[in-house]
Amino acid sequence: MGSALVTGPRVSNARAIYKEFWNGGAALRVPDPVDLAEHVAGLLRDPRKARDQAAKARAMVEAGRGALEKNAVPAAALSAAGWCRANAGGPT
């Protein structure tokens, strides 16, 4: 079982991910601490909305599963081939 996500505006540690969640309806962005209680109360008053939001978040997480593995192998191959050093503008 998932839960609805509520975030503040400062999510610099994972901004790109949160932006996708906000735009996809998988998370609520609360701009001000004063509004937090109202947003959470709204989710509690509308359990269907909270479940739908949690389902969207779960779907987005599932869609992103394996991203590290998909990208780590090609990156390691490029590194082993010397491509990263040769194309970084630094010493090779």
N, C-alpha and C. Protein backbone atom coordinates (compact mmCIF):
# COMPACT_ATOMS: atom_id res chain seq x y z
N MET A 1 0.85 -1.17 0.00
CA MET A 1 0.00 0.00 0.00
C MET A 1 0.89 1.23 0.00
N GLY A 2 0.57 2.18 -0.83
CA GLY A 2 1.36 3.40 -0.92
C GLY A 2 0.71 4.53 -0.14
N SER A 3 1.38 5.63 -0.12
CA SER A 3 0.81 6.81 0.54
C SER A 3 1.03 8.03 -0.35
N ALA A 4 0.17 8.99 -0.16
CA ALA A 4 0.26 10.23 -0.92
C ALA A 4 1.52 10.98 -0.51
N LEU A 5 2.13 11.64 -1.48
CA LEU A 5 3.36 12.38 -1.21
C LEU A 5 3.05 13.87 -1.14
N VAL A 6 3.59 14.51 -0.11
CA VAL A 6 3.44 15.96 0.06
C VAL A 6 4.84 16.49 0.31
N THR A 7 5.26 17.47 -0.50
CA THR A 7 6.60 18.02 -0.35
C THR A 7 6.53 19.53 -0.19
N GLY A 8 7.60 20.07 0.29
CA GLY A 8 7.75 21.52 0.31
C GLY A 8 8.38 21.95 -1.01
N PRO A 9 8.62 23.23 -1.18
CA PRO A 9 9.18 23.71 -2.44
C PRO A 9 10.69 23.46 -2.59
N ARG A 10 11.36 23.22 -1.49
CA ARG A 10 12.82 23.05 -1.53
C ARG A 10 13.19 21.58 -1.55
N VAL A 11 13.46 21.09 -2.72
CA VAL A 11 13.82 19.69 -2.91
C VAL A 11 15.06 19.58 -3.79
N SER A 12 16.03 20.43 -3.52
CA SER A 12 17.20 20.52 -4.39
C SER A 12 17.96 19.20 -4.51
N ASN A 13 17.83 18.32 -3.54
CA ASN A 13 18.55 17.06 -3.60
C ASN A 13 17.99 16.11 -4.66
N ALA A 14 16.78 16.35 -5.12
CA ALA A 14 16.16 15.49 -6.13
C ALA A 14 15.14 16.28 -6.95
N ARG A 15 15.46 17.50 -7.29
CA ARG A 15 14.52 18.40 -7.95
C ARG A 15 13.92 17.83 -9.23
N ALA A 16 14.72 17.23 -10.08
CA ALA A 16 14.22 16.69 -11.36
C ALA A 16 13.17 15.61 -11.11
N ILE A 17 13.42 14.77 -10.15
CA ILE A 17 12.47 13.69 -9.85
C ILE A 17 11.18 14.27 -9.28
N TYR A 18 11.30 15.17 -8.32
CA TYR A 18 10.09 15.77 -7.74
C TYR A 18 9.30 16.55 -8.78
N LYS A 19 9.99 17.22 -9.70
CA LYS A 19 9.29 17.97 -10.74
C LYS A 19 8.43 17.03 -11.58
N GLU A 20 8.98 15.86 -11.91
CA GLU A 20 8.20 14.86 -12.65
C GLU A 20 6.98 14.41 -11.83
N PHE A 21 7.19 14.19 -10.55
CA PHE A 21 6.09 13.76 -9.68
C PHE A 21 5.02 14.85 -9.58
N TRP A 22 5.44 16.10 -9.40
CA TRP A 22 4.46 17.20 -9.32
C TRP A 22 3.68 17.32 -10.62
N ASN A 23 4.40 17.32 -11.74
CA ASN A 23 3.75 17.47 -13.04
C ASN A 23 2.86 16.29 -13.39
N GLY A 24 3.21 15.11 -12.89
CA GLY A 24 2.44 13.91 -13.17
C GLY A 24 1.32 13.65 -12.18
N GLY A 25 1.12 14.55 -11.23
CA GLY A 25 0.06 14.36 -10.24
C GLY A 25 0.37 13.29 -9.21
N ALA A 26 1.66 12.95 -9.09
CA ALA A 26 2.07 11.90 -8.15
C ALA A 26 2.51 12.46 -6.80
N ALA A 27 2.55 13.78 -6.67
CA ALA A 27 2.94 14.42 -5.41
C ALA A 27 2.34 15.82 -5.36
N LEU A 28 2.05 16.26 -4.17
CA LEU A 28 1.57 17.62 -3.95
C LEU A 28 2.74 18.48 -3.50
N ARG A 29 2.86 19.64 -4.07
CA ARG A 29 3.88 20.60 -3.66
C ARG A 29 3.20 21.68 -2.83
N VAL A 30 3.61 21.79 -1.58
CA VAL A 30 3.04 22.78 -0.67
C VAL A 30 4.04 23.93 -0.58
N PRO A 31 3.66 25.10 -1.07
CA PRO A 31 4.61 26.20 -1.13
C PRO A 31 4.94 26.83 0.22
N ASP A 32 4.05 26.66 1.18
CA ASP A 32 4.20 27.38 2.44
C ASP A 32 3.81 26.47 3.59
N PRO A 33 4.57 26.45 4.69
CA PRO A 33 4.22 25.60 5.83
C PRO A 33 2.81 25.85 6.36
N VAL A 34 2.33 27.07 6.22
CA VAL A 34 0.98 27.39 6.70
C VAL A 34 -0.07 26.58 5.94
N ASP A 35 0.20 26.28 4.67
CA ASP A 35 -0.75 25.54 3.84
C ASP A 35 -0.68 24.03 4.02
N LEU A 36 0.32 23.55 4.71
CA LEU A 36 0.52 22.11 4.86
C LEU A 36 -0.70 21.42 5.45
N ALA A 37 -1.22 21.94 6.54
CA ALA A 37 -2.36 21.30 7.20
C ALA A 37 -3.56 21.20 6.27
N GLU A 38 -3.82 22.24 5.49
CA GLU A 38 -4.96 22.21 4.58
C GLU A 38 -4.78 21.17 3.47
N HIS A 39 -3.58 21.07 2.94
CA HIS A 39 -3.32 20.08 1.89
C HIS A 39 -3.45 18.65 2.42
N VAL A 40 -2.90 18.41 3.60
CA VAL A 40 -3.00 17.07 4.20
C VAL A 40 -4.46 16.77 4.55
N ALA A 41 -5.18 17.75 5.10
CA ALA A 41 -6.60 17.55 5.42
C ALA A 41 -7.39 17.25 4.15
N GLY A 42 -7.05 17.89 3.05
CA GLY A 42 -7.73 17.63 1.79
C GLY A 42 -7.54 16.19 1.34
N LEU A 43 -6.35 15.66 1.51
CA LEU A 43 -6.10 14.26 1.17
C LEU A 43 -6.86 13.32 2.10
N LEU A 44 -6.94 13.67 3.38
CA LEU A 44 -7.67 12.84 4.34
C LEU A 44 -9.17 12.87 4.07
N ARG A 45 -9.68 14.01 3.60
CA ARG A 45 -11.11 14.12 3.28
C ARG A 45 -11.46 13.39 1.99
N ASP A 46 -10.48 13.21 1.13
CA ASP A 46 -10.73 12.58 -0.17
C ASP A 46 -9.78 11.40 -0.36
N PRO A 47 -10.10 10.27 0.28
CA PRO A 47 -9.21 9.11 0.22
C PRO A 47 -8.97 8.62 -1.21
N ARG A 48 -9.96 8.79 -2.07
CA ARG A 48 -9.76 8.36 -3.47
C ARG A 48 -8.64 9.18 -4.12
N LYS A 49 -8.65 10.47 -3.88
CA LYS A 49 -7.60 11.33 -4.42
C LYS A 49 -6.23 10.90 -3.89
N ALA A 50 -6.16 10.60 -2.60
CA ALA A 50 -4.90 10.16 -2.00
C ALA A 50 -4.45 8.83 -2.60
N ARG A 51 -5.38 7.90 -2.80
CA ARG A 51 -5.03 6.60 -3.41
C ARG A 51 -4.58 6.77 -4.85
N ASP A 52 -5.27 7.63 -5.60
CA ASP A 52 -4.90 7.88 -6.99
C ASP A 52 -3.50 8.49 -7.08
N GLN A 53 -3.22 9.43 -6.20
CA GLN A 53 -1.91 10.06 -6.19
C GLN A 53 -0.83 9.03 -5.85
N ALA A 54 -1.09 8.21 -4.87
CA ALA A 54 -0.13 7.17 -4.48
C ALA A 54 0.08 6.18 -5.62
N ALA A 55 -0.97 5.83 -6.34
CA ALA A 55 -0.86 4.91 -7.47
C ALA A 55 -0.01 5.52 -8.59
N LYS A 56 -0.20 6.81 -8.84
CA LYS A 56 0.61 7.49 -9.86
C LYS A 56 2.08 7.48 -9.45
N ALA A 57 2.34 7.74 -8.18
CA ALA A 57 3.72 7.73 -7.69
C ALA A 57 4.33 6.35 -7.84
N ARG A 58 3.58 5.33 -7.47
CA ARG A 58 4.08 3.95 -7.58
C ARG A 58 4.38 3.62 -9.04
N ALA A 59 3.50 4.02 -9.95
CA ALA A 59 3.71 3.74 -11.37
C ALA A 59 4.96 4.44 -11.89
N MET A 60 5.19 5.67 -11.43
CA MET A 60 6.38 6.40 -11.87
C MET A 60 7.65 5.74 -11.33
N VAL A 61 7.59 5.27 -10.10
CA VAL A 61 8.76 4.59 -9.52
C VAL A 61 9.02 3.29 -10.29
N GLU A 62 7.98 2.53 -10.56
CA GLU A 62 8.13 1.26 -11.30
C GLU A 62 8.70 1.51 -12.69
N ALA A 63 8.24 2.58 -13.35
CA ALA A 63 8.72 2.90 -14.70
C ALA A 63 10.20 3.25 -14.68
N GLY A 64 10.68 3.79 -13.57
CA GLY A 64 12.08 4.17 -13.48
C GLY A 64 12.99 3.09 -12.94
N ARG A 65 12.43 1.97 -12.52
CA ARG A 65 13.26 0.89 -11.98
C ARG A 65 14.25 0.39 -13.03
N GLY A 66 15.46 0.15 -12.58
CA GLY A 66 16.48 -0.38 -13.47
C GLY A 66 17.24 0.70 -14.22
N ALA A 67 16.92 1.96 -13.99
CA ALA A 67 17.60 3.04 -14.71
C ALA A 67 19.11 3.02 -14.44
N LEU A 68 19.49 2.76 -13.22
CA LEU A 68 20.92 2.73 -12.89
C LEU A 68 21.62 1.63 -13.67
N GLU A 69 21.02 0.44 -13.67
CA GLU A 69 21.62 -0.68 -14.36
C GLU A 69 21.67 -0.43 -15.87
N LYS A 70 20.63 0.17 -16.42
CA LYS A 70 20.59 0.44 -17.86
C LYS A 70 21.68 1.42 -18.28
N ASN A 71 22.00 2.36 -17.40
CA ASN A 71 22.97 3.40 -17.75
C ASN A 71 24.38 3.12 -17.25
N ALA A 72 24.51 2.31 -16.22
CA ALA A 72 25.83 2.05 -15.64
C ALA A 72 26.71 1.24 -16.59
N VAL A 73 26.15 0.27 -17.26
CA VAL A 73 26.95 -0.57 -18.16
C VAL A 73 27.49 0.24 -19.33
N PRO A 74 26.65 1.02 -20.05
CA PRO A 74 27.22 1.83 -21.13
C PRO A 74 28.26 2.84 -20.63
N ALA A 75 28.03 3.44 -19.47
CA ALA A 75 28.99 4.40 -18.92
C ALA A 75 30.30 3.72 -18.59
N ALA A 76 30.23 2.53 -18.03
CA ALA A 76 31.45 1.78 -17.70
C ALA A 76 32.20 1.40 -18.97
N ALA A 77 31.46 1.04 -20.02
CA ALA A 77 32.10 0.68 -21.29
C ALA A 77 32.81 1.89 -21.90
N LEU A 78 32.17 3.05 -21.85
CA LEU A 78 32.80 4.27 -22.37
C LEU A 78 34.05 4.61 -21.58
N SER A 79 33.96 4.45 -20.28
CA SER A 79 35.11 4.76 -19.43
C SER A 79 36.26 3.80 -19.73
N ALA A 80 35.95 2.53 -19.86
CA ALA A 80 36.98 1.53 -20.14
C ALA A 80 37.63 1.78 -21.50
N ALA A 81 36.86 2.31 -22.43
CA ALA A 81 37.39 2.58 -23.77
C ALA A 81 38.17 3.89 -23.80
N GLY A 82 38.19 4.64 -22.71
CA GLY A 82 38.91 5.89 -22.66
C GLY A 82 38.14 7.06 -23.23
N TRP A 83 36.88 6.86 -23.61
CA TRP A 83 36.08 7.92 -24.24
C TRP A 83 35.87 9.09 -23.29
N CYS A 84 35.60 8.83 -22.03
CA CYS A 84 35.32 9.90 -21.08
C CYS A 84 36.52 10.83 -20.94
N ARG A 85 37.69 10.29 -20.76
CA ARG A 85 38.89 11.13 -20.62
C ARG A 85 39.20 11.85 -21.92
N ALA A 86 39.08 11.17 -23.04
CA ALA A 86 39.43 11.75 -24.34
C ALA A 86 38.47 12.88 -24.72
N ASN A 87 37.23 12.84 -24.26
CA ASN A 87 36.24 13.83 -24.65
C ASN A 87 35.91 14.83 -23.57
N ALA A 88 36.61 14.78 -22.46
CA ALA A 88 36.33 15.70 -21.35
C ALA A 88 37.15 16.97 -21.45
N GLY A 89 38.07 17.03 -22.37
CA GLY A 89 38.89 18.23 -22.51
C GLY A 89 40.06 18.27 -21.55
N GLY A 90 40.22 17.22 -20.77
CA GLY A 90 41.32 17.17 -19.80
C GLY A 90 42.41 16.24 -20.31
N PRO A 91 43.38 15.96 -19.47
CA PRO A 91 44.46 15.08 -19.87
C PRO A 91 43.97 13.67 -20.11
N THR A 92 44.53 12.99 -21.06
CA THR A 92 44.15 11.61 -21.38
C THR A 92 45.17 10.64 -20.89
